Amino acid sequence: MIPVSYIVTAIVSAAFGSVTTILMLSITAAAKKADEEEDKLFCEYLKGKKME
């Protein structure tokens, strides 16, 4: 017989884990997008410097 607390803990940790994973994925995706934008801006800035 498995204690109820073990089952509850397992369910909670599984639910919390998936939420955390989704949050991490969305944060990572947002950070990656921000990095790409920064790269574009930096490239434009370098091009501008070369033009001078």
Protein backbone atom coordinates (compact mmCIF):
# COMPACT_ATOMS: atom_id res chain seq x y z
CA MET A 1 0.00 0.00 0.00
CA ILE A 2 1.45 3.38 -1.05
CA PRO A 3 0.93 6.29 1.37
CA VAL A 4 -1.45 8.97 0.06
CA SER A 5 1.13 11.70 0.71
CA TYR A 6 3.50 10.02 -1.76
CA ILE A 7 0.80 10.04 -4.46
CA VAL A 8 -0.10 13.68 -3.76
CA THR A 9 3.56 14.69 -3.80
CA ALA A 10 4.09 12.86 -7.09
CA ILE A 11 1.05 14.53 -8.72
CA VAL A 12 2.01 18.00 -7.43
CA SER A 13 5.65 17.66 -8.49
CA ALA A 14 4.59 16.38 -11.94
CA ALA A 15 2.17 19.28 -12.41
CA PHE A 16 4.65 21.84 -11.05
CA GLY A 17 7.43 20.33 -13.14
CA SER A 18 5.47 20.65 -16.37
CA VAL A 19 4.50 24.24 -15.56
CA THR A 20 8.14 25.06 -14.80
CA THR A 21 9.24 23.40 -18.03
CA ILE A 22 6.71 25.39 -20.07
CA LEU A 23 7.80 28.61 -18.34
CA MET A 24 11.47 27.84 -18.98
CA LEU A 25 10.74 27.09 -22.65
CA SER A 26 8.78 30.31 -23.15
CA ILE A 27 11.47 32.35 -21.36
CA THR A 28 14.18 30.71 -23.48
CA ALA A 29 12.21 31.39 -26.67
CA ALA A 30 11.69 35.03 -25.67
CA ALA A 31 15.39 35.42 -24.80
CA LYS A 32 16.42 33.87 -28.13
CA LYS A 33 14.14 36.28 -30.00
CA ALA A 34 15.58 39.23 -28.07
CA ASP A 35 19.12 38.03 -28.88
CA GLU A 36 18.29 37.88 -32.58
CA GLU A 37 16.92 41.43 -32.49
CA GLU A 38 20.05 42.63 -30.70
CA ASP A 39 22.25 40.89 -33.28
CA LYS A 40 20.38 42.66 -36.09
CA LEU A 41 20.76 46.03 -34.38
CA PHE A 42 24.45 45.38 -33.70
CA CYS A 43 25.03 44.43 -37.35
CA GLU A 44 23.29 47.62 -38.50
CA TYR A 45 25.44 49.60 -36.05
CA LEU A 46 28.65 48.01 -37.38
CA LYS A 47 27.56 48.69 -40.97
CA GLY A 48 26.94 52.31 -40.03
CA LYS A 49 30.42 52.53 -38.50
CA LYS A 50 32.03 51.12 -41.65
CA MET A 51 30.18 53.63 -43.85
CA GLU A 52 31.75 56.61 -42.05
